[in-house]
N, C-alpha and C. Protein backbone atom coordinates (compact mmCIF):
# COMPACT_ATOMS: atom_id res chain seq x y z
N MET A 1 126.68 129.88 107.44
CA MET A 1 127.04 128.47 107.63
C MET A 1 126.81 127.73 106.32
N HIS A 2 127.67 126.79 106.05
CA HIS A 2 127.55 125.93 104.87
C HIS A 2 126.92 124.60 105.29
N ALA A 3 125.93 124.12 104.54
CA ALA A 3 125.29 122.84 104.84
C ALA A 3 126.28 121.70 104.62
N PRO A 4 126.33 120.70 105.53
CA PRO A 4 127.28 119.60 105.40
C PRO A 4 126.98 118.66 104.23
N ILE A 5 125.74 118.65 103.74
CA ILE A 5 125.38 117.87 102.55
C ILE A 5 124.37 118.70 101.74
N GLY A 6 124.29 118.43 100.46
CA GLY A 6 123.34 119.14 99.61
C GLY A 6 123.81 120.54 99.25
N HIS A 7 122.97 121.23 98.49
CA HIS A 7 123.28 122.57 98.02
C HIS A 7 122.13 123.49 98.42
N PHE A 8 122.24 124.07 99.60
CA PHE A 8 121.19 124.91 100.15
C PHE A 8 121.69 126.33 100.30
N ASP A 9 120.82 127.30 99.97
CA ASP A 9 121.19 128.72 100.08
C ASP A 9 121.18 129.20 101.52
N HIS A 10 120.36 128.58 102.36
CA HIS A 10 120.18 129.05 103.73
C HIS A 10 120.33 127.87 104.69
N ALA A 11 121.39 127.87 105.49
CA ALA A 11 121.64 126.81 106.48
C ALA A 11 122.00 127.48 107.80
N VAL A 12 121.32 127.05 108.88
CA VAL A 12 121.50 127.67 110.20
C VAL A 12 121.50 126.56 111.26
N PRO A 13 122.33 126.65 112.28
CA PRO A 13 122.23 125.67 113.37
C PRO A 13 120.80 125.68 113.93
N ALA A 14 120.21 124.53 114.09
CA ALA A 14 118.81 124.43 114.53
C ALA A 14 118.53 125.20 115.82
N PRO A 15 119.42 125.21 116.83
CA PRO A 15 119.12 125.98 118.04
C PRO A 15 118.97 127.49 117.79
N ASP A 16 119.49 127.97 116.66
CA ASP A 16 119.41 129.40 116.34
C ASP A 16 118.15 129.78 115.56
N CYS A 17 117.31 128.80 115.22
CA CYS A 17 116.10 129.11 114.44
C CYS A 17 114.91 128.27 114.90
N LEU A 18 114.72 128.18 116.18
CA LEU A 18 113.65 127.34 116.73
C LEU A 18 112.27 127.75 116.25
N ASP A 19 112.09 129.02 115.89
CA ASP A 19 110.78 129.48 115.39
C ASP A 19 110.42 128.87 114.04
N GLU A 20 111.40 128.35 113.32
CA GLU A 20 111.15 127.72 112.02
C GLU A 20 110.66 126.28 112.17
N LEU A 21 110.73 125.73 113.38
CA LEU A 21 110.39 124.33 113.64
C LEU A 21 109.04 124.22 114.33
N THR A 22 108.41 123.08 114.23
CA THR A 22 107.19 122.85 114.99
C THR A 22 107.55 122.79 116.47
N ARG A 23 106.57 123.00 117.31
CA ARG A 23 106.85 123.01 118.75
C ARG A 23 107.52 121.73 119.24
N PRO A 24 107.02 120.52 118.86
CA PRO A 24 107.69 119.30 119.35
C PRO A 24 109.15 119.20 118.92
N VAL A 25 109.46 119.64 117.71
CA VAL A 25 110.83 119.56 117.21
C VAL A 25 111.70 120.61 117.92
N ALA A 26 111.18 121.82 118.06
CA ALA A 26 111.92 122.87 118.78
C ALA A 26 112.19 122.44 120.22
N ASP A 27 111.19 121.85 120.87
CA ASP A 27 111.37 121.37 122.25
C ASP A 27 112.45 120.29 122.31
N ALA A 28 112.46 119.39 121.31
CA ALA A 28 113.46 118.32 121.29
C ALA A 28 114.87 118.89 121.10
N VAL A 29 115.01 119.90 120.26
CA VAL A 29 116.32 120.53 120.05
C VAL A 29 116.76 121.21 121.35
N ARG A 30 115.84 121.94 121.98
CA ARG A 30 116.16 122.62 123.25
C ARG A 30 116.60 121.64 124.33
N ALA A 31 115.95 120.49 124.39
CA ALA A 31 116.20 119.51 125.46
C ALA A 31 117.31 118.51 125.12
N TRP A 32 117.87 118.58 123.92
CA TRP A 32 118.84 117.59 123.46
C TRP A 32 120.03 117.50 124.41
N ARG A 33 120.38 116.27 124.80
CA ARG A 33 121.51 116.02 125.70
C ARG A 33 122.41 114.89 125.18
N GLY A 34 122.34 114.60 123.89
CA GLY A 34 123.13 113.53 123.32
C GLY A 34 124.59 113.91 123.15
N SER A 35 125.39 112.96 122.68
CA SER A 35 126.83 113.19 122.51
C SER A 35 127.14 114.15 121.36
N VAL A 36 126.22 114.28 120.41
CA VAL A 36 126.37 115.22 119.31
C VAL A 36 125.78 116.56 119.77
N PRO A 37 126.56 117.65 119.76
CA PRO A 37 126.00 118.94 120.18
C PRO A 37 124.83 119.36 119.29
N ALA A 38 123.82 119.96 119.88
CA ALA A 38 122.63 120.38 119.14
C ALA A 38 122.96 121.37 118.03
N ASP A 39 124.03 122.13 118.17
CA ASP A 39 124.36 123.08 117.11
C ASP A 39 124.89 122.40 115.85
N GLN A 40 125.08 121.07 115.90
CA GLN A 40 125.42 120.31 114.69
C GLN A 40 124.17 119.87 113.93
N PHE A 41 122.99 120.09 114.50
CA PHE A 41 121.73 119.89 113.78
C PHE A 41 121.52 121.15 112.96
N VAL A 42 121.36 121.01 111.67
CA VAL A 42 121.31 122.16 110.78
C VAL A 42 119.92 122.25 110.14
N TYR A 43 119.33 123.44 110.24
CA TYR A 43 118.07 123.71 109.55
C TYR A 43 118.39 124.31 108.19
N VAL A 44 117.79 123.76 107.14
CA VAL A 44 117.95 124.32 105.80
C VAL A 44 116.58 124.71 105.27
N ASP A 45 116.52 125.91 104.71
CA ASP A 45 115.26 126.39 104.15
C ASP A 45 115.06 125.73 102.79
N THR A 46 113.90 125.16 102.59
CA THR A 46 113.58 124.52 101.31
C THR A 46 112.20 124.98 100.88
N ASP A 47 111.97 124.98 99.59
CA ASP A 47 110.71 125.42 99.02
C ASP A 47 109.76 124.22 98.94
N PRO A 48 108.56 124.32 99.53
CA PRO A 48 107.60 123.22 99.47
C PRO A 48 107.24 122.83 98.03
N GLU A 49 107.41 123.76 97.10
CA GLU A 49 107.13 123.49 95.69
C GLU A 49 108.03 122.37 95.15
N TRP A 50 109.21 122.19 95.76
CA TRP A 50 110.17 121.17 95.31
C TRP A 50 110.21 119.98 96.26
N ALA A 51 109.11 119.71 96.94
CA ALA A 51 109.08 118.64 97.94
C ALA A 51 109.11 117.24 97.33
N ASP A 52 108.61 117.06 96.12
CA ASP A 52 108.66 115.76 95.46
C ASP A 52 110.12 115.32 95.37
N THR A 53 110.39 114.05 95.72
CA THR A 53 111.76 113.57 95.84
C THR A 53 112.60 113.84 94.59
N ALA A 54 112.08 113.50 93.41
CA ALA A 54 112.86 113.68 92.18
C ALA A 54 113.21 115.15 91.96
N THR A 55 112.24 116.04 92.14
CA THR A 55 112.47 117.48 91.98
C THR A 55 113.39 118.00 93.07
N PHE A 56 113.22 117.50 94.30
CA PHE A 56 114.02 117.95 95.43
C PHE A 56 115.50 117.67 95.18
N VAL A 57 115.84 116.44 94.82
CA VAL A 57 117.26 116.10 94.62
C VAL A 57 117.83 116.79 93.38
N GLU A 58 116.99 117.02 92.38
CA GLU A 58 117.45 117.75 91.19
C GLU A 58 117.83 119.18 91.58
N HIS A 59 117.05 119.79 92.46
CA HIS A 59 117.30 121.18 92.85
C HIS A 59 118.37 121.32 93.93
N TYR A 60 118.35 120.43 94.95
CA TYR A 60 119.22 120.60 96.11
C TYR A 60 120.44 119.67 96.14
N GLY A 61 120.52 118.71 95.22
CA GLY A 61 121.71 117.85 95.16
C GLY A 61 121.38 116.38 95.03
N GLN A 62 121.92 115.75 94.00
CA GLN A 62 121.70 114.32 93.76
C GLN A 62 122.19 113.46 94.92
N ASP A 63 123.22 113.93 95.64
CA ASP A 63 123.76 113.16 96.76
C ASP A 63 122.75 112.99 97.89
N LEU A 64 121.70 113.78 97.90
CA LEU A 64 120.70 113.70 98.98
C LEU A 64 119.82 112.46 98.89
N LEU A 65 119.70 111.86 97.72
CA LEU A 65 118.83 110.69 97.58
C LEU A 65 119.25 109.58 98.52
N GLU A 66 120.55 109.29 98.61
CA GLU A 66 121.04 108.22 99.47
C GLU A 66 121.28 108.70 100.90
N ARG A 67 121.08 109.97 101.17
CA ARG A 67 121.35 110.53 102.50
C ARG A 67 120.09 111.11 103.14
N SER A 68 118.94 110.72 102.63
CA SER A 68 117.67 111.19 103.17
C SER A 68 116.97 110.06 103.91
N ALA A 69 116.25 110.42 104.96
CA ALA A 69 115.49 109.43 105.71
C ALA A 69 114.04 109.87 105.82
N ASN A 70 113.17 108.91 105.86
CA ASN A 70 111.76 109.14 106.09
C ASN A 70 111.41 108.66 107.48
N CYS A 71 110.51 109.37 108.12
CA CYS A 71 109.99 108.95 109.41
C CYS A 71 108.49 108.74 109.24
N VAL A 72 108.05 107.52 109.47
CA VAL A 72 106.63 107.20 109.34
C VAL A 72 106.11 106.64 110.65
N VAL A 73 104.83 106.85 110.88
CA VAL A 73 104.19 106.35 112.09
C VAL A 73 103.48 105.04 111.76
N VAL A 74 103.76 104.02 112.57
CA VAL A 74 103.16 102.70 112.38
C VAL A 74 102.32 102.36 113.61
N ALA A 75 101.19 101.72 113.36
CA ALA A 75 100.31 101.28 114.43
C ALA A 75 100.35 99.76 114.51
N GLY A 76 100.67 99.24 115.69
CA GLY A 76 100.66 97.80 115.92
C GLY A 76 99.46 97.46 116.80
N LYS A 77 98.78 96.36 116.49
CA LYS A 77 97.59 95.99 117.26
C LYS A 77 97.74 94.59 117.83
N ARG A 78 97.28 94.47 119.07
CA ARG A 78 97.27 93.16 119.73
C ARG A 78 96.23 93.22 120.84
N GLY A 79 95.29 92.28 120.80
CA GLY A 79 94.28 92.17 121.85
C GLY A 79 93.48 93.44 122.08
N GLY A 80 93.12 94.16 121.04
CA GLY A 80 92.33 95.37 121.19
C GLY A 80 93.13 96.61 121.56
N GLU A 81 94.43 96.47 121.80
CA GLU A 81 95.29 97.61 122.11
C GLU A 81 96.06 98.01 120.87
N THR A 82 96.26 99.33 120.73
CA THR A 82 97.05 99.86 119.62
C THR A 82 98.29 100.54 120.18
N MET A 83 99.44 100.18 119.62
CA MET A 83 100.72 100.80 120.00
C MET A 83 101.23 101.55 118.77
N LEU A 84 101.73 102.76 118.98
CA LEU A 84 102.29 103.53 117.89
C LEU A 84 103.81 103.58 118.01
N ALA A 85 104.47 103.65 116.86
CA ALA A 85 105.93 103.77 116.82
C ALA A 85 106.31 104.66 115.66
N ALA A 86 107.35 105.45 115.84
CA ALA A 86 107.94 106.22 114.75
C ALA A 86 109.04 105.33 114.16
N CYS A 87 109.05 105.19 112.84
CA CYS A 87 110.04 104.35 112.17
C CYS A 87 110.86 105.20 111.21
N VAL A 88 112.18 105.13 111.32
CA VAL A 88 113.09 105.95 110.52
C VAL A 88 113.93 105.04 109.62
N VAL A 89 113.76 105.21 108.32
CA VAL A 89 114.50 104.42 107.34
C VAL A 89 115.01 105.34 106.24
N LEU A 90 116.05 104.91 105.53
CA LEU A 90 116.52 105.67 104.39
C LEU A 90 115.40 105.79 103.37
N SER A 91 115.36 106.92 102.67
CA SER A 91 114.28 107.15 101.71
C SER A 91 114.35 106.23 100.50
N THR A 92 115.45 105.54 100.31
CA THR A 92 115.58 104.59 99.21
C THR A 92 115.05 103.21 99.60
N THR A 93 114.53 103.09 100.82
CA THR A 93 113.99 101.82 101.30
C THR A 93 112.56 102.04 101.80
N ARG A 94 111.92 100.96 102.21
CA ARG A 94 110.59 101.05 102.81
C ARG A 94 110.63 100.35 104.16
N VAL A 95 109.74 100.71 105.04
CA VAL A 95 109.69 100.13 106.38
C VAL A 95 109.14 98.71 106.30
N ASP A 96 109.82 97.77 106.94
CA ASP A 96 109.35 96.38 107.00
C ASP A 96 108.29 96.29 108.11
N VAL A 97 107.09 96.75 107.79
CA VAL A 97 106.01 96.85 108.76
C VAL A 97 105.57 95.49 109.27
N ASN A 98 105.36 94.53 108.38
CA ASN A 98 104.81 93.23 108.79
C ASN A 98 105.85 92.24 109.27
N GLY A 99 107.11 92.62 109.26
CA GLY A 99 108.17 91.75 109.76
C GLY A 99 108.82 92.37 110.99
N VAL A 100 109.83 93.20 110.76
CA VAL A 100 110.64 93.78 111.83
C VAL A 100 109.79 94.60 112.80
N VAL A 101 108.94 95.50 112.29
CA VAL A 101 108.15 96.37 113.17
C VAL A 101 107.15 95.55 113.99
N ARG A 102 106.42 94.69 113.34
CA ARG A 102 105.40 93.88 114.04
C ARG A 102 106.05 93.08 115.17
N ARG A 103 107.18 92.46 114.89
CA ARG A 103 107.87 91.67 115.94
C ARG A 103 108.38 92.57 117.07
N GLN A 104 108.96 93.71 116.71
CA GLN A 104 109.52 94.61 117.72
C GLN A 104 108.43 95.13 118.66
N LEU A 105 107.24 95.39 118.11
CA LEU A 105 106.13 95.89 118.92
C LEU A 105 105.37 94.78 119.63
N GLY A 106 105.67 93.52 119.29
CA GLY A 106 104.92 92.40 119.86
C GLY A 106 103.47 92.43 119.43
N ALA A 107 103.24 92.91 118.21
CA ALA A 107 101.88 93.06 117.70
C ALA A 107 101.48 91.87 116.86
N ARG A 108 100.19 91.60 116.83
CA ARG A 108 99.66 90.56 115.97
C ARG A 108 99.54 91.09 114.54
N LYS A 109 99.24 92.40 114.44
CA LYS A 109 99.06 93.04 113.15
C LYS A 109 99.67 94.44 113.22
N ALA A 110 100.30 94.88 112.13
CA ALA A 110 100.88 96.22 112.07
C ALA A 110 100.58 96.83 110.71
N SER A 111 100.37 98.15 110.71
CA SER A 111 100.12 98.87 109.46
C SER A 111 100.51 100.33 109.66
N PHE A 112 100.61 101.06 108.56
CA PHE A 112 100.90 102.48 108.67
C PHE A 112 99.72 103.15 109.36
N ALA A 113 100.01 104.07 110.26
CA ALA A 113 98.95 104.80 110.94
C ALA A 113 98.26 105.72 109.94
N SER A 114 97.00 106.02 110.18
CA SER A 114 96.28 106.93 109.30
C SER A 114 96.92 108.31 109.35
N MET A 115 96.67 109.11 108.33
CA MET A 115 97.22 110.46 108.29
C MET A 115 96.72 111.25 109.50
N ASP A 116 95.45 111.12 109.86
CA ASP A 116 94.91 111.85 111.00
C ASP A 116 95.61 111.46 112.30
N THR A 117 95.88 110.17 112.47
CA THR A 117 96.58 109.70 113.67
C THR A 117 98.01 110.21 113.67
N ALA A 118 98.70 110.06 112.54
CA ALA A 118 100.11 110.46 112.46
C ALA A 118 100.28 111.96 112.72
N THR A 119 99.45 112.79 112.12
CA THR A 119 99.60 114.23 112.31
C THR A 119 99.01 114.68 113.65
N GLY A 120 97.89 114.12 114.03
CA GLY A 120 97.25 114.53 115.28
C GLY A 120 98.04 114.14 116.51
N GLU A 121 98.62 112.97 116.52
CA GLU A 121 99.38 112.49 117.67
C GLU A 121 100.79 113.08 117.74
N SER A 122 101.36 113.42 116.57
CA SER A 122 102.74 113.90 116.55
C SER A 122 102.87 115.42 116.55
N GLY A 123 101.83 116.13 116.10
CA GLY A 123 101.92 117.58 116.00
C GLY A 123 102.72 118.04 114.79
N MET A 124 102.93 117.15 113.83
CA MET A 124 103.73 117.47 112.65
C MET A 124 102.81 117.57 111.43
N GLU A 125 103.30 118.26 110.40
CA GLU A 125 102.57 118.31 109.15
C GLU A 125 102.79 117.00 108.40
N TYR A 126 101.79 116.56 107.65
CA TYR A 126 101.88 115.31 106.90
C TYR A 126 103.05 115.39 105.92
N GLY A 127 103.87 114.36 105.90
CA GLY A 127 105.00 114.28 104.99
C GLY A 127 106.22 115.06 105.45
N ALA A 128 106.20 115.56 106.69
CA ALA A 128 107.33 116.38 107.16
C ALA A 128 107.81 115.95 108.53
N SER A 129 107.45 114.76 108.98
CA SER A 129 107.77 114.34 110.34
C SER A 129 109.23 113.98 110.51
N PRO A 130 109.89 114.61 111.46
CA PRO A 130 111.22 114.17 111.85
C PRO A 130 111.09 113.24 113.05
N PRO A 131 112.10 112.46 113.31
CA PRO A 131 112.06 111.62 114.51
C PRO A 131 112.55 112.39 115.72
N SER A 132 111.69 113.15 116.33
CA SER A 132 112.07 113.86 117.55
C SER A 132 111.49 113.08 118.72
N ASP A 133 111.50 113.68 119.88
CA ASP A 133 110.88 113.01 121.02
C ASP A 133 109.45 112.66 120.62
N SER A 134 109.15 111.39 120.53
CA SER A 134 107.82 111.02 120.09
C SER A 134 106.84 111.17 121.25
N PRO A 135 105.59 111.45 120.89
CA PRO A 135 104.59 111.66 121.93
C PRO A 135 104.36 110.41 122.77
N ALA A 136 104.02 110.61 124.01
CA ALA A 136 103.59 109.53 124.90
C ALA A 136 104.56 108.36 124.96
N GLY A 137 105.85 108.62 124.76
CA GLY A 137 106.84 107.57 124.92
C GLY A 137 106.84 106.51 123.83
N TRP A 138 106.36 106.84 122.65
CA TRP A 138 106.43 105.87 121.55
C TRP A 138 107.87 105.44 121.36
N PRO A 139 108.08 104.21 120.96
CA PRO A 139 109.44 103.84 120.55
C PRO A 139 109.78 104.52 119.22
N VAL A 140 111.04 104.83 119.02
CA VAL A 140 111.53 105.36 117.75
C VAL A 140 112.43 104.26 117.19
N LEU A 141 111.92 103.56 116.19
CA LEU A 141 112.66 102.46 115.57
C LEU A 141 113.49 103.03 114.43
N VAL A 142 114.81 102.82 114.49
CA VAL A 142 115.74 103.43 113.54
C VAL A 142 116.51 102.34 112.83
N ASP A 143 116.50 102.38 111.50
CA ASP A 143 117.31 101.43 110.74
C ASP A 143 118.79 101.75 110.94
N SER A 144 119.59 100.72 111.12
CA SER A 144 121.02 100.90 111.38
C SER A 144 121.73 101.66 110.27
N ALA A 145 121.24 101.58 109.03
CA ALA A 145 121.86 102.30 107.91
C ALA A 145 121.75 103.81 108.10
N VAL A 146 120.72 104.28 108.79
CA VAL A 146 120.56 105.71 109.07
C VAL A 146 121.65 106.17 110.04
N VAL A 147 121.88 105.38 111.07
CA VAL A 147 122.86 105.71 112.11
C VAL A 147 124.27 105.75 111.53
N ASP A 148 124.54 104.97 110.51
CA ASP A 148 125.88 104.86 109.93
C ASP A 148 126.29 106.06 109.07
N LEU A 149 125.35 106.92 108.69
CA LEU A 149 125.68 108.06 107.81
C LEU A 149 126.20 109.25 108.60
N PRO A 150 127.17 109.99 108.04
CA PRO A 150 127.67 111.18 108.73
C PRO A 150 126.57 112.23 108.95
N TYR A 151 125.75 112.49 107.93
CA TYR A 151 124.60 113.39 108.03
C TYR A 151 123.43 112.81 107.26
N VAL A 152 122.23 113.08 107.78
CA VAL A 152 120.99 112.58 107.18
C VAL A 152 120.02 113.75 107.06
N LEU A 153 119.35 113.84 105.91
CA LEU A 153 118.32 114.83 105.69
C LEU A 153 116.99 114.26 106.15
N VAL A 154 116.29 114.98 107.04
CA VAL A 154 114.96 114.56 107.52
C VAL A 154 114.04 115.77 107.54
N GLY A 155 112.76 115.51 107.73
CA GLY A 155 111.78 116.60 107.83
C GLY A 155 112.03 117.45 109.06
N SER A 156 111.47 118.66 109.04
CA SER A 156 111.61 119.59 110.16
C SER A 156 110.31 119.71 110.95
N GLY A 157 109.29 118.97 110.53
CA GLY A 157 107.97 119.08 111.16
C GLY A 157 107.02 119.93 110.34
N ARG A 158 107.57 120.68 109.40
CA ARG A 158 106.79 121.50 108.47
C ARG A 158 107.19 121.14 107.05
N ARG A 159 106.31 121.43 106.10
CA ARG A 159 106.63 121.17 104.70
C ARG A 159 107.78 122.06 104.22
N ARG A 160 107.89 123.24 104.77
CA ARG A 160 109.00 124.14 104.40
C ARG A 160 110.16 123.86 105.35
N GLY A 161 111.31 123.59 104.79
CA GLY A 161 112.51 123.39 105.60
C GLY A 161 112.76 121.94 105.95
N LYS A 162 114.02 121.62 106.12
CA LYS A 162 114.45 120.27 106.50
C LYS A 162 115.53 120.40 107.56
N LEU A 163 115.86 119.28 108.17
CA LEU A 163 116.96 119.21 109.12
C LEU A 163 118.04 118.29 108.58
N LEU A 164 119.29 118.66 108.80
CA LEU A 164 120.43 117.81 108.52
C LEU A 164 120.97 117.41 109.89
N VAL A 165 120.96 116.11 110.15
CA VAL A 165 121.28 115.60 111.49
C VAL A 165 122.37 114.53 111.37
N PRO A 166 123.41 114.59 112.22
CA PRO A 166 124.39 113.51 112.21
C PRO A 166 123.70 112.17 112.48
N GLY A 167 124.01 111.16 111.67
CA GLY A 167 123.35 109.86 111.78
C GLY A 167 123.37 109.26 113.17
N LYS A 168 124.52 109.37 113.85
CA LYS A 168 124.61 108.73 115.17
C LYS A 168 123.67 109.34 116.20
N ALA A 169 123.18 110.57 115.95
CA ALA A 169 122.24 111.20 116.88
C ALA A 169 120.91 110.45 116.92
N PHE A 170 120.54 109.79 115.84
CA PHE A 170 119.27 109.05 115.82
C PHE A 170 119.25 107.93 116.85
N ALA A 171 120.41 107.34 117.10
CA ALA A 171 120.50 106.26 118.09
C ALA A 171 120.35 106.78 119.52
N GLU A 172 120.51 108.10 119.70
CA GLU A 172 120.44 108.69 121.03
C GLU A 172 119.10 109.38 121.32
N LEU A 173 118.16 109.30 120.39
CA LEU A 173 116.84 109.87 120.65
C LEU A 173 116.17 109.12 121.79
N PRO A 174 115.39 109.80 122.63
CA PRO A 174 114.65 109.09 123.68
C PRO A 174 113.77 108.00 123.05
N GLY A 175 113.84 106.81 123.58
CA GLY A 175 113.03 105.70 123.08
C GLY A 175 113.57 105.04 121.83
N ALA A 176 114.78 105.43 121.39
CA ALA A 176 115.34 104.88 120.15
C ALA A 176 115.77 103.44 120.31
N VAL A 177 115.45 102.65 119.29
CA VAL A 177 115.90 101.26 119.18
C VAL A 177 116.46 101.12 117.77
N VAL A 178 117.75 100.84 117.65
CA VAL A 178 118.39 100.67 116.35
C VAL A 178 118.22 99.22 115.93
N LEU A 179 117.71 99.04 114.71
CA LEU A 179 117.40 97.70 114.22
C LEU A 179 118.01 97.46 112.83
N GLU A 180 118.61 96.30 112.66
CA GLU A 180 119.07 95.87 111.34
C GLU A 180 117.84 95.46 110.54
N GLY A 181 117.82 95.83 109.26
CA GLY A 181 116.76 95.36 108.38
C GLY A 181 115.40 96.03 108.54
N LEU A 182 115.33 97.13 109.28
CA LEU A 182 114.06 97.85 109.40
C LEU A 182 113.65 98.42 108.06
N GLY A 183 114.64 98.91 107.30
CA GLY A 183 114.38 99.40 105.94
C GLY A 183 114.76 98.33 104.95
N VAL A 184 113.84 98.03 104.04
CA VAL A 184 114.10 96.99 103.03
C VAL A 184 113.93 97.61 101.64
N ALA A 185 114.65 97.03 100.68
CA ALA A 185 114.60 97.54 99.29
C ALA A 185 113.28 97.18 98.64
């Protein structure tokens, strides 16, 4: 199979390589019922040595810089309660934590979740989180620019390997809320 974006030596439909994914991501691929068939989700093998963004795009394709998304976990607090959300924005932007996210969560205060919380609650390796079915029904906040792309590069749950996912599939994730302006320059 040829990867729809980037220059990867090894590309496989995600349902055909579930062992390469973390359990939560593999479960999400298995359970996928969106309008985009799961076999259009593509797993690409990548070397963790080239994980730094500048090195990654130099090795796998300059076009990936504008077609990559980051998924970060944000914690919103209000009245002693903490709410977590997965936020998906293009890698050329940053999450508007104190504006869009705080308002969407109805929180008084919002900040990035600690690494221990993000990895412990999601079951993903740090820096490799994809927006799959989030634990405990967290909302998945998705910037509209992500949904507009034909394919988006995201983490696979592990430092080795990435997923190429049709942008419109992000809007169909359980708990997904598509928001304008979630990612800001």
